[in-house]
Amino acid sequence: MAGTYSVGREDDAVAEQREVIEQVGAALAAAARLEDVQQVVKVAARRLADAHGSTFVLLDHDMCYYADEDSMSPLWKGQRFPASDCISGWSMMHRTAVTISDIRRDERIPQEAYRPTFVRSLAMVPMLGPDPMGAIGVYWAQPGRPDPTVVPALQQLAGLAVQALRRFPEGIPDPGFTVVGAYPTGGDAR
């Protein structure tokens, strides 16, 4: 997670992430079902981010459907939340990645949904085609910022996920909301 990062250590992280992305590309190309895509992506996201949890979110009209998760304790698998009320929806609507170093201090976070969980910081990356399709979330049990290599690696993963999802259009809910203009950065405003 966050902390002092030496150049050599960052190079090692990038090399490991590159290897994971290559493995994911092959696994997604071989995926036979939407569920296979979800499994590959959620496990890879958690590994790429060295996170305590990850979620695979699909956009279903104006709702964010938390289709799958890989987490040290339950999060929101199987639940739907209004896209306007959750950070995955915010990320999709604004077509940008977002990091939140302390979820308790960010007004975009629905505190009632996060309070019973371990989550204290997160990164959310939208899966974008011509329209948003979903998002990949990663979560940590302590406040802080992810290493600088994490969001770019998750964006690569999201691109691969979109390619794979396009092969299973019958399993993907209709996106169904208007996208707000993109912002240059989705990081903490604080």
N, C-alpha and C. Protein backbone atom coordinates (compact mmCIF):
# COMPACT_ATOMS: atom_id res chain seq x y z
N MET A 1 0.84 -1.18 0.00
CA MET A 1 0.00 0.00 0.00
C MET A 1 0.88 1.23 0.00
N ALA A 2 0.43 2.28 0.60
CA ALA A 2 1.16 3.54 0.58
C ALA A 2 2.45 3.43 1.37
N GLY A 3 3.37 4.28 1.05
CA GLY A 3 4.61 4.30 1.80
C GLY A 3 5.75 4.76 0.93
N THR A 4 6.93 4.73 1.51
CA THR A 4 8.12 5.11 0.77
C THR A 4 8.45 4.00 -0.20
N TYR A 5 8.73 4.36 -1.41
CA TYR A 5 8.95 3.39 -2.46
C TYR A 5 10.29 3.65 -3.10
N SER A 6 11.18 2.70 -3.04
CA SER A 6 12.47 2.86 -3.70
C SER A 6 12.32 2.55 -5.18
N VAL A 7 13.19 3.09 -6.00
CA VAL A 7 13.11 2.88 -7.44
C VAL A 7 13.21 1.39 -7.77
N GLY A 8 14.12 0.68 -7.16
CA GLY A 8 14.27 -0.75 -7.43
C GLY A 8 13.03 -1.53 -7.07
N ARG A 9 12.42 -1.20 -5.94
CA ARG A 9 11.21 -1.88 -5.51
C ARG A 9 10.06 -1.58 -6.46
N GLU A 10 9.97 -0.35 -6.92
CA GLU A 10 8.92 0.02 -7.87
C GLU A 10 9.11 -0.73 -9.18
N ASP A 11 10.35 -0.85 -9.64
CA ASP A 11 10.62 -1.61 -10.86
C ASP A 11 10.20 -3.07 -10.70
N ASP A 12 10.45 -3.65 -9.53
CA ASP A 12 10.03 -5.03 -9.26
C ASP A 12 8.51 -5.14 -9.30
N ALA A 13 7.82 -4.17 -8.72
CA ALA A 13 6.36 -4.18 -8.72
C ALA A 13 5.82 -4.10 -10.13
N VAL A 14 6.39 -3.23 -10.94
CA VAL A 14 5.94 -3.09 -12.33
C VAL A 14 6.18 -4.38 -13.10
N ALA A 15 7.32 -5.01 -12.91
CA ALA A 15 7.62 -6.27 -13.59
C ALA A 15 6.62 -7.36 -13.18
N GLU A 16 6.32 -7.43 -11.89
CA GLU A 16 5.35 -8.43 -11.43
C GLU A 16 3.96 -8.14 -11.99
N GLN A 17 3.57 -6.86 -12.01
CA GLN A 17 2.27 -6.50 -12.55
C GLN A 17 2.19 -6.82 -14.04
N ARG A 18 3.26 -6.58 -14.76
CA ARG A 18 3.30 -6.90 -16.19
C ARG A 18 3.07 -8.40 -16.40
N GLU A 19 3.71 -9.21 -15.56
CA GLU A 19 3.55 -10.67 -15.66
C GLU A 19 2.10 -11.08 -15.36
N VAL A 20 1.51 -10.48 -14.34
CA VAL A 20 0.11 -10.77 -14.01
C VAL A 20 -0.80 -10.39 -15.17
N ILE A 21 -0.59 -9.22 -15.75
CA ILE A 21 -1.42 -8.76 -16.87
C ILE A 21 -1.31 -9.73 -18.05
N GLU A 22 -0.11 -10.22 -18.34
CA GLU A 22 0.06 -11.20 -19.43
C GLU A 22 -0.73 -12.47 -19.13
N GLN A 23 -0.65 -12.96 -17.90
CA GLN A 23 -1.39 -14.16 -17.51
C GLN A 23 -2.90 -13.93 -17.61
N VAL A 24 -3.33 -12.76 -17.19
CA VAL A 24 -4.75 -12.42 -17.24
C VAL A 24 -5.23 -12.38 -18.69
N GLY A 25 -4.45 -11.78 -19.57
CA GLY A 25 -4.83 -11.73 -20.98
C GLY A 25 -5.10 -13.12 -21.54
N ALA A 26 -4.22 -14.06 -21.23
CA ALA A 26 -4.40 -15.44 -21.70
C ALA A 26 -5.62 -16.08 -21.06
N ALA A 27 -5.80 -15.88 -19.76
CA ALA A 27 -6.94 -16.48 -19.06
C ALA A 27 -8.27 -15.91 -19.56
N LEU A 28 -8.31 -14.61 -19.82
CA LEU A 28 -9.55 -14.01 -20.31
C LEU A 28 -9.86 -14.45 -21.73
N ALA A 29 -8.83 -14.63 -22.54
CA ALA A 29 -9.05 -15.13 -23.90
C ALA A 29 -9.65 -16.53 -23.88
N ALA A 30 -9.33 -17.30 -22.85
CA ALA A 30 -9.83 -18.67 -22.73
C ALA A 30 -11.15 -18.75 -21.97
N ALA A 31 -11.62 -17.65 -21.42
CA ALA A 31 -12.84 -17.66 -20.61
C ALA A 31 -14.03 -18.11 -21.45
N ALA A 32 -14.78 -19.07 -20.93
CA ALA A 32 -15.93 -19.62 -21.65
C ALA A 32 -17.25 -19.02 -21.19
N ARG A 33 -17.25 -18.35 -20.05
CA ARG A 33 -18.48 -17.79 -19.48
C ARG A 33 -18.19 -16.45 -18.82
N LEU A 34 -19.22 -15.67 -18.63
CA LEU A 34 -19.09 -14.39 -17.94
C LEU A 34 -18.52 -14.61 -16.54
N GLU A 35 -18.96 -15.66 -15.88
CA GLU A 35 -18.47 -15.97 -14.53
C GLU A 35 -16.97 -16.21 -14.52
N ASP A 36 -16.44 -16.79 -15.59
CA ASP A 36 -14.99 -17.00 -15.70
C ASP A 36 -14.26 -15.66 -15.76
N VAL A 37 -14.82 -14.72 -16.51
CA VAL A 37 -14.24 -13.38 -16.61
C VAL A 37 -14.21 -12.73 -15.23
N GLN A 38 -15.33 -12.79 -14.53
CA GLN A 38 -15.41 -12.21 -13.19
C GLN A 38 -14.36 -12.82 -12.26
N GLN A 39 -14.22 -14.13 -12.28
CA GLN A 39 -13.26 -14.83 -11.42
C GLN A 39 -11.84 -14.37 -11.70
N VAL A 40 -11.46 -14.34 -12.96
CA VAL A 40 -10.10 -13.95 -13.34
C VAL A 40 -9.83 -12.51 -12.92
N VAL A 41 -10.77 -11.62 -13.21
CA VAL A 41 -10.57 -10.19 -12.95
C VAL A 41 -10.50 -9.89 -11.45
N LYS A 42 -11.39 -10.46 -10.67
CA LYS A 42 -11.40 -10.14 -9.23
C LYS A 42 -10.13 -10.63 -8.54
N VAL A 43 -9.65 -11.81 -8.91
CA VAL A 43 -8.43 -12.34 -8.31
C VAL A 43 -7.22 -11.52 -8.76
N ALA A 44 -7.18 -11.19 -10.05
CA ALA A 44 -6.05 -10.40 -10.57
C ALA A 44 -6.02 -9.00 -9.96
N ALA A 45 -7.17 -8.38 -9.80
CA ALA A 45 -7.22 -7.03 -9.22
C ALA A 45 -6.65 -7.03 -7.81
N ARG A 46 -7.05 -7.99 -7.03
CA ARG A 46 -6.55 -8.05 -5.65
C ARG A 46 -5.04 -8.26 -5.63
N ARG A 47 -4.56 -9.12 -6.52
CA ARG A 47 -3.12 -9.39 -6.58
C ARG A 47 -2.35 -8.16 -7.08
N LEU A 48 -2.83 -7.54 -8.15
CA LEU A 48 -2.14 -6.37 -8.71
C LEU A 48 -2.01 -5.24 -7.69
N ALA A 49 -3.02 -5.09 -6.85
CA ALA A 49 -3.05 -3.98 -5.90
C ALA A 49 -2.53 -4.37 -4.52
N ASP A 50 -2.21 -5.65 -4.33
CA ASP A 50 -1.83 -6.14 -3.00
C ASP A 50 -2.87 -5.66 -1.99
N ALA A 51 -4.14 -5.91 -2.34
CA ALA A 51 -5.27 -5.39 -1.58
C ALA A 51 -5.87 -6.47 -0.67
N HIS A 52 -6.67 -6.02 0.27
CA HIS A 52 -7.38 -6.92 1.17
C HIS A 52 -8.69 -7.42 0.57
N GLY A 53 -9.12 -6.77 -0.50
CA GLY A 53 -10.34 -7.18 -1.16
C GLY A 53 -10.48 -6.54 -2.52
N SER A 54 -11.32 -7.16 -3.35
CA SER A 54 -11.61 -6.60 -4.68
C SER A 54 -13.06 -6.92 -5.03
N THR A 55 -13.64 -6.09 -5.89
CA THR A 55 -15.00 -6.32 -6.38
C THR A 55 -15.04 -6.17 -7.89
N PHE A 56 -15.99 -6.88 -8.48
CA PHE A 56 -16.27 -6.82 -9.91
C PHE A 56 -17.70 -6.31 -10.01
N VAL A 57 -17.85 -5.09 -10.53
CA VAL A 57 -19.14 -4.40 -10.54
C VAL A 57 -19.62 -4.25 -11.97
N LEU A 58 -20.89 -4.57 -12.21
CA LEU A 58 -21.51 -4.36 -13.52
C LEU A 58 -22.56 -3.26 -13.41
N LEU A 59 -22.64 -2.45 -14.44
CA LEU A 59 -23.64 -1.39 -14.50
C LEU A 59 -24.94 -1.97 -15.03
N ASP A 60 -26.02 -1.79 -14.29
CA ASP A 60 -27.34 -2.30 -14.67
C ASP A 60 -28.32 -1.13 -14.61
N HIS A 61 -28.47 -0.46 -15.75
CA HIS A 61 -29.25 0.77 -15.85
C HIS A 61 -28.67 1.80 -14.88
N ASP A 62 -29.45 2.19 -13.89
CA ASP A 62 -28.95 3.19 -12.94
C ASP A 62 -28.45 2.56 -11.64
N MET A 63 -28.19 1.26 -11.69
CA MET A 63 -27.73 0.54 -10.50
C MET A 63 -26.35 -0.07 -10.73
N CYS A 64 -25.56 -0.11 -9.68
CA CYS A 64 -24.27 -0.81 -9.70
C CYS A 64 -24.49 -2.16 -9.05
N TYR A 65 -24.28 -3.21 -9.84
CA TYR A 65 -24.48 -4.58 -9.36
C TYR A 65 -23.12 -5.16 -8.98
N TYR A 66 -22.93 -5.43 -7.70
CA TYR A 66 -21.69 -6.02 -7.21
C TYR A 66 -21.75 -7.52 -7.48
N ALA A 67 -21.32 -7.89 -8.70
CA ALA A 67 -21.49 -9.25 -9.21
C ALA A 67 -20.59 -10.26 -8.52
N ASP A 68 -19.39 -9.85 -8.14
CA ASP A 68 -18.46 -10.81 -7.54
C ASP A 68 -17.44 -10.07 -6.69
N GLU A 69 -16.77 -10.81 -5.82
CA GLU A 69 -15.73 -10.23 -4.97
C GLU A 69 -14.73 -11.29 -4.54
N ASP A 70 -13.56 -10.83 -4.21
CA ASP A 70 -12.50 -11.66 -3.63
C ASP A 70 -11.99 -10.85 -2.44
N SER A 71 -12.35 -11.27 -1.25
CA SER A 71 -12.11 -10.40 -0.10
C SER A 71 -11.84 -11.20 1.17
N MET A 72 -11.12 -10.57 2.09
CA MET A 72 -10.81 -11.22 3.36
C MET A 72 -12.06 -11.36 4.24
N SER A 73 -13.08 -10.59 3.98
CA SER A 73 -14.38 -10.74 4.63
C SER A 73 -15.44 -10.20 3.67
N PRO A 74 -16.71 -10.60 3.85
CA PRO A 74 -17.74 -10.22 2.89
C PRO A 74 -17.88 -8.71 2.72
N LEU A 75 -18.13 -8.32 1.47
CA LEU A 75 -18.38 -6.91 1.14
C LEU A 75 -19.82 -6.79 0.66
N TRP A 76 -20.05 -6.72 -0.65
CA TRP A 76 -21.39 -6.44 -1.15
C TRP A 76 -21.82 -7.38 -2.28
N LYS A 77 -21.22 -8.53 -2.41
CA LYS A 77 -21.55 -9.45 -3.51
C LYS A 77 -23.06 -9.71 -3.57
N GLY A 78 -23.59 -9.57 -4.80
CA GLY A 78 -25.00 -9.80 -5.04
C GLY A 78 -25.90 -8.60 -4.78
N GLN A 79 -25.36 -7.53 -4.25
CA GLN A 79 -26.17 -6.35 -3.94
C GLN A 79 -26.12 -5.32 -5.07
N ARG A 80 -27.17 -4.51 -5.12
CA ARG A 80 -27.25 -3.41 -6.07
C ARG A 80 -27.39 -2.10 -5.30
N PHE A 81 -26.70 -1.08 -5.81
CA PHE A 81 -26.76 0.24 -5.21
C PHE A 81 -26.99 1.26 -6.33
N PRO A 82 -27.73 2.34 -6.07
CA PRO A 82 -27.89 3.37 -7.09
C PRO A 82 -26.52 3.90 -7.53
N ALA A 83 -26.33 3.98 -8.84
CA ALA A 83 -25.04 4.46 -9.38
C ALA A 83 -24.74 5.87 -8.87
N SER A 84 -25.76 6.64 -8.64
CA SER A 84 -25.55 8.02 -8.17
C SER A 84 -25.11 8.08 -6.71
N ASP A 85 -25.21 6.96 -6.00
CA ASP A 85 -24.91 6.95 -4.56
C ASP A 85 -23.67 6.16 -4.18
N CYS A 86 -22.92 5.66 -5.14
CA CYS A 86 -21.75 4.86 -4.77
C CYS A 86 -20.54 5.23 -5.63
N ILE A 87 -19.38 4.90 -5.11
CA ILE A 87 -18.14 5.31 -5.77
C ILE A 87 -17.91 4.57 -7.08
N SER A 88 -18.41 3.35 -7.21
CA SER A 88 -18.27 2.66 -8.50
C SER A 88 -19.09 3.39 -9.56
N GLY A 89 -20.28 3.82 -9.21
CA GLY A 89 -21.09 4.60 -10.14
C GLY A 89 -20.45 5.93 -10.47
N TRP A 90 -19.88 6.59 -9.47
CA TRP A 90 -19.18 7.86 -9.70
C TRP A 90 -18.05 7.66 -10.70
N SER A 91 -17.28 6.61 -10.51
CA SER A 91 -16.16 6.32 -11.40
C SER A 91 -16.63 6.07 -12.83
N MET A 92 -17.72 5.32 -12.97
CA MET A 92 -18.26 5.04 -14.31
C MET A 92 -18.83 6.30 -14.95
N MET A 93 -19.63 7.04 -14.20
CA MET A 93 -20.27 8.24 -14.76
C MET A 93 -19.25 9.28 -15.18
N HIS A 94 -18.16 9.39 -14.44
CA HIS A 94 -17.12 10.37 -14.75
C HIS A 94 -16.01 9.80 -15.62
N ARG A 95 -16.10 8.50 -15.92
CA ARG A 95 -15.15 7.82 -16.80
C ARG A 95 -13.70 8.01 -16.34
N THR A 96 -13.48 7.87 -15.04
CA THR A 96 -12.14 8.06 -14.51
C THR A 96 -11.91 7.19 -13.29
N ALA A 97 -10.66 6.84 -13.09
CA ALA A 97 -10.28 6.11 -11.87
C ALA A 97 -10.30 7.07 -10.69
N VAL A 98 -10.55 6.53 -9.53
CA VAL A 98 -10.54 7.33 -8.31
C VAL A 98 -9.85 6.56 -7.20
N THR A 99 -9.06 7.27 -6.41
CA THR A 99 -8.48 6.69 -5.20
C THR A 99 -8.99 7.51 -4.02
N ILE A 100 -9.28 6.82 -2.95
CA ILE A 100 -9.73 7.49 -1.73
C ILE A 100 -8.87 6.97 -0.59
N SER A 101 -8.10 7.87 -0.01
CA SER A 101 -7.14 7.47 1.02
C SER A 101 -7.79 7.23 2.38
N ASP A 102 -8.97 7.80 2.61
CA ASP A 102 -9.69 7.58 3.87
C ASP A 102 -11.18 7.68 3.57
N ILE A 103 -11.84 6.54 3.50
CA ILE A 103 -13.25 6.53 3.10
C ILE A 103 -14.14 7.28 4.08
N ARG A 104 -13.71 7.42 5.29
CA ARG A 104 -14.52 8.12 6.30
C ARG A 104 -14.54 9.63 6.09
N ARG A 105 -13.67 10.12 5.23
CA ARG A 105 -13.58 11.57 5.01
C ARG A 105 -13.98 11.98 3.59
N ASP A 106 -14.66 11.10 2.88
CA ASP A 106 -15.03 11.41 1.49
C ASP A 106 -16.55 11.34 1.35
N GLU A 107 -17.15 12.43 0.93
CA GLU A 107 -18.60 12.52 0.83
C GLU A 107 -19.18 11.63 -0.26
N ARG A 108 -18.36 11.13 -1.16
CA ARG A 108 -18.86 10.23 -2.21
C ARG A 108 -19.11 8.82 -1.70
N ILE A 109 -18.65 8.53 -0.51
CA ILE A 109 -18.76 7.18 0.06
C ILE A 109 -20.03 7.07 0.91
N PRO A 110 -20.90 6.10 0.61
CA PRO A 110 -22.08 5.87 1.45
C PRO A 110 -21.64 5.18 2.75
N GLN A 111 -21.48 5.95 3.79
CA GLN A 111 -20.92 5.44 5.04
C GLN A 111 -21.68 4.25 5.61
N GLU A 112 -23.00 4.24 5.45
CA GLU A 112 -23.79 3.14 6.00
C GLU A 112 -23.45 1.80 5.33
N ALA A 113 -23.05 1.83 4.06
CA ALA A 113 -22.67 0.59 3.36
C ALA A 113 -21.26 0.14 3.74
N TYR A 114 -20.39 1.08 4.06
CA TYR A 114 -18.99 0.76 4.36
C TYR A 114 -18.74 0.49 5.84
N ARG A 115 -19.56 1.05 6.70
CA ARG A 115 -19.32 0.96 8.15
C ARG A 115 -19.11 -0.48 8.63
N PRO A 116 -19.91 -1.46 8.20
CA PRO A 116 -19.71 -2.82 8.71
C PRO A 116 -18.54 -3.59 8.07
N THR A 117 -17.83 -2.96 7.15
CA THR A 117 -16.74 -3.64 6.46
C THR A 117 -15.38 -3.23 7.01
N PHE A 118 -14.36 -3.92 6.55
CA PHE A 118 -12.97 -3.60 6.93
C PHE A 118 -12.42 -2.41 6.15
N VAL A 119 -13.10 -1.98 5.11
CA VAL A 119 -12.56 -1.02 4.14
C VAL A 119 -12.28 0.34 4.78
N ARG A 120 -11.05 0.84 4.58
CA ARG A 120 -10.67 2.18 5.03
C ARG A 120 -10.12 3.03 3.89
N SER A 121 -9.63 2.38 2.83
CA SER A 121 -9.17 3.11 1.64
C SER A 121 -9.47 2.24 0.42
N LEU A 122 -9.49 2.88 -0.76
CA LEU A 122 -9.86 2.13 -1.95
C LEU A 122 -9.34 2.79 -3.22
N ALA A 123 -9.40 2.01 -4.29
CA ALA A 123 -9.22 2.52 -5.65
C ALA A 123 -10.33 1.89 -6.48
N MET A 124 -10.93 2.67 -7.37
CA MET A 124 -12.00 2.19 -8.24
C MET A 124 -11.66 2.61 -9.66
N VAL A 125 -11.71 1.65 -10.57
CA VAL A 125 -11.36 1.89 -11.97
C VAL A 125 -12.54 1.46 -12.83
N PRO A 126 -13.04 2.34 -13.70
CA PRO A 126 -14.17 1.96 -14.54
C PRO A 126 -13.74 1.04 -15.68
N MET A 127 -14.66 0.15 -16.05
CA MET A 127 -14.48 -0.66 -17.26
C MET A 127 -15.28 0.05 -18.34
N LEU A 128 -14.56 0.63 -19.29
CA LEU A 128 -15.18 1.52 -20.27
C LEU A 128 -15.10 0.97 -21.68
N GLY A 129 -16.22 0.96 -22.35
CA GLY A 129 -16.29 0.78 -23.79
C GLY A 129 -16.83 2.11 -24.30
N PRO A 130 -17.61 2.09 -25.38
CA PRO A 130 -18.27 3.33 -25.77
C PRO A 130 -19.14 3.86 -24.63
N ASP A 131 -19.71 2.93 -23.87
CA ASP A 131 -20.46 3.26 -22.66
C ASP A 131 -19.81 2.53 -21.50
N PRO A 132 -19.96 3.03 -20.29
CA PRO A 132 -19.42 2.30 -19.14
C PRO A 132 -20.09 0.93 -19.02
N MET A 133 -19.31 -0.08 -18.67
CA MET A 133 -19.83 -1.43 -18.51
C MET A 133 -19.82 -1.85 -17.04
N GLY A 134 -18.89 -1.30 -16.28
CA GLY A 134 -18.75 -1.69 -14.89
C GLY A 134 -17.53 -1.04 -14.29
N ALA A 135 -17.08 -1.62 -13.18
CA ALA A 135 -15.90 -1.09 -12.49
C ALA A 135 -15.22 -2.21 -11.73
N ILE A 136 -13.96 -1.98 -11.45
CA ILE A 136 -13.16 -2.88 -10.63
C ILE A 136 -12.75 -2.09 -9.40
N GLY A 137 -13.08 -2.61 -8.23
CA GLY A 137 -12.72 -1.94 -6.98
C GLY A 137 -11.71 -2.76 -6.21
N VAL A 138 -10.76 -2.09 -5.58
CA VAL A 138 -9.82 -2.75 -4.67
C VAL A 138 -9.83 -1.98 -3.35
N TYR A 139 -9.65 -2.72 -2.25
CA TYR A 139 -9.87 -2.16 -0.92
C TYR A 139 -8.77 -2.58 0.04
N TRP A 140 -8.45 -1.65 0.95
CA TRP A 140 -7.45 -1.92 1.99
C TRP A 140 -8.06 -1.65 3.35
N ALA A 141 -7.53 -2.33 4.36
CA ALA A 141 -8.05 -2.22 5.73
C ALA A 141 -7.48 -1.04 6.50
N GLN A 142 -6.57 -0.30 5.91
CA GLN A 142 -6.02 0.88 6.58
C GLN A 142 -6.07 2.08 5.62
N PRO A 143 -6.16 3.27 6.19
CA PRO A 143 -6.13 4.46 5.34
C PRO A 143 -4.77 4.58 4.64
N GLY A 144 -4.76 5.17 3.47
CA GLY A 144 -3.53 5.41 2.74
C GLY A 144 -3.76 5.40 1.25
N ARG A 145 -2.72 5.73 0.54
CA ARG A 145 -2.79 5.76 -0.93
C ARG A 145 -2.11 4.51 -1.49
N PRO A 146 -2.63 4.00 -2.60
CA PRO A 146 -1.96 2.86 -3.22
C PRO A 146 -0.63 3.29 -3.84
N ASP A 147 0.23 2.31 -4.03
CA ASP A 147 1.49 2.59 -4.72
C ASP A 147 1.18 3.17 -6.10
N PRO A 148 2.07 3.98 -6.65
CA PRO A 148 1.79 4.66 -7.92
C PRO A 148 1.60 3.72 -9.11
N THR A 149 1.99 2.48 -8.98
CA THR A 149 1.84 1.53 -10.09
C THR A 149 0.46 0.88 -10.12
N VAL A 150 -0.30 1.00 -9.05
CA VAL A 150 -1.55 0.25 -8.92
C VAL A 150 -2.62 0.70 -9.91
N VAL A 151 -2.95 1.98 -9.95
CA VAL A 151 -4.04 2.43 -10.82
C VAL A 151 -3.74 2.15 -12.29
N PRO A 152 -2.55 2.44 -12.81
CA PRO A 152 -2.28 2.08 -14.20
C PRO A 152 -2.42 0.57 -14.47
N ALA A 153 -2.00 -0.25 -13.53
CA ALA A 153 -2.15 -1.70 -13.70
C ALA A 153 -3.63 -2.09 -13.72
N LEU A 154 -4.42 -1.50 -12.84
CA LEU A 154 -5.85 -1.78 -12.82
C LEU A 154 -6.54 -1.28 -14.08
N GLN A 155 -6.07 -0.17 -14.63
CA GLN A 155 -6.63 0.33 -15.89
C GLN A 155 -6.35 -0.64 -17.03
N GLN A 156 -5.16 -1.22 -17.04
CA GLN A 156 -4.85 -2.25 -18.04
C GLN A 156 -5.78 -3.44 -17.87
N LEU A 157 -5.96 -3.87 -16.62
CA LEU A 157 -6.86 -4.98 -16.33
C LEU A 157 -8.28 -4.66 -16.79
N ALA A 158 -8.73 -3.45 -16.54
CA ALA A 158 -10.08 -3.05 -16.96
C ALA A 158 -10.22 -3.11 -18.48
N GLY A 159 -9.19 -2.70 -19.21
CA GLY A 159 -9.22 -2.79 -20.67
C GLY A 159 -9.36 -4.22 -21.15
N LEU A 160 -8.60 -5.12 -20.53
CA LEU A 160 -8.70 -6.55 -20.88
C LEU A 160 -10.08 -7.10 -20.51
N ALA A 161 -10.61 -6.66 -19.38
CA ALA A 161 -11.93 -7.11 -18.95
C ALA A 161 -13.01 -6.69 -19.94
N VAL A 162 -12.93 -5.46 -20.42
CA VAL A 162 -13.91 -4.98 -21.40
C VAL A 162 -13.87 -5.83 -22.66
N GLN A 163 -12.68 -6.13 -23.16
CA GLN A 163 -12.56 -6.99 -24.34
C GLN A 163 -13.23 -8.33 -24.10
N ALA A 164 -13.01 -8.91 -22.93
CA ALA A 164 -13.60 -10.21 -22.60
C ALA A 164 -15.12 -10.09 -22.43
N LEU A 165 -15.58 -9.05 -21.77
CA LEU A 165 -17.02 -8.88 -21.54
C LEU A 165 -17.79 -8.75 -22.85
N ARG A 166 -17.18 -8.16 -23.84
CA ARG A 166 -17.86 -8.00 -25.14
C ARG A 166 -18.21 -9.34 -25.78
N ARG A 167 -17.54 -10.39 -25.35
CA ARG A 167 -17.83 -11.73 -25.89
C ARG A 167 -19.08 -12.34 -25.25
N PHE A 168 -19.59 -11.72 -24.20
CA PHE A 168 -20.74 -12.26 -23.46
C PHE A 168 -21.83 -11.21 -23.29
N PRO A 169 -22.30 -10.61 -24.40
CA PRO A 169 -23.26 -9.51 -24.26
C PRO A 169 -24.57 -9.92 -23.58
N GLU A 170 -24.95 -11.18 -23.70
CA GLU A 170 -26.21 -11.63 -23.08
C GLU A 170 -26.14 -11.62 -21.56
N GLY A 171 -24.94 -11.66 -21.00
CA GLY A 171 -24.80 -11.67 -19.55
C GLY A 171 -24.55 -10.32 -18.93
N ILE A 172 -24.40 -9.31 -19.76
CA ILE A 172 -24.08 -7.97 -19.26
C ILE A 172 -25.35 -7.14 -19.21
N PRO A 173 -25.66 -6.56 -18.06
CA PRO A 173 -26.84 -5.70 -17.98
C PRO A 173 -26.69 -4.48 -18.89
N ASP A 174 -27.82 -3.89 -19.25
CA ASP A 174 -27.84 -2.68 -20.06
C ASP A 174 -27.29 -1.51 -19.24
N PRO A 175 -26.28 -0.78 -19.76
CA PRO A 175 -25.71 0.33 -18.98
C PRO A 175 -26.74 1.38 -18.60
N GLY A 176 -27.38 2.00 -19.52
CA GLY A 176 -28.52 2.84 -19.28
C GLY A 176 -28.43 4.14 -18.53
N PHE A 177 -27.29 4.79 -18.35
CA PHE A 177 -27.33 6.15 -17.81
C PHE A 177 -26.41 7.05 -18.61
N THR A 178 -26.68 8.34 -18.54
CA THR A 178 -25.89 9.32 -19.27
C THR A 178 -24.59 9.59 -18.54
N VAL A 179 -23.51 9.59 -19.29
CA VAL A 179 -22.19 9.80 -18.71
C VAL A 179 -21.88 11.29 -18.64
N VAL A 180 -21.41 11.72 -17.49
CA VAL A 180 -20.99 13.11 -17.27
C VAL A 180 -19.64 13.29 -17.94
N GLY A 181 -19.27 14.51 -18.33
CA GLY A 181 -17.96 14.76 -18.93
C GLY A 181 -16.83 14.27 -18.04
N ALA A 182 -15.79 13.74 -18.65
CA ALA A 182 -14.66 13.19 -17.90
C ALA A 182 -13.86 14.29 -17.23
N TYR A 183 -13.31 13.96 -16.11
CA TYR A 183 -12.44 14.88 -15.38
C TYR A 183 -11.00 14.44 -15.55
N PRO A 184 -10.04 15.36 -15.53
CA PRO A 184 -8.65 14.99 -15.76
C PRO A 184 -8.07 14.10 -14.68
N THR A 185 -8.56 14.18 -13.47
CA THR A 185 -8.02 13.34 -12.40
C THR A 185 -9.13 12.96 -11.46
N GLY A 186 -9.04 11.75 -10.92
CA GLY A 186 -10.08 11.29 -10.02
C GLY A 186 -9.58 11.09 -8.62
N GLY A 187 -8.42 11.61 -8.30
CA GLY A 187 -7.82 11.40 -6.98
C GLY A 187 -8.54 12.15 -5.89
N ASP A 188 -8.04 12.01 -4.70
CA ASP A 188 -8.60 12.71 -3.55
C ASP A 188 -8.62 14.21 -3.79
N ALA A 189 -9.68 14.83 -3.38
CA ALA A 189 -9.78 16.28 -3.48
C ALA A 189 -9.09 16.95 -2.30
N ARG A 190 -8.76 16.16 -1.29
CA ARG A 190 -8.15 16.71 -0.07
C ARG A 190 -6.66 16.69 -0.15
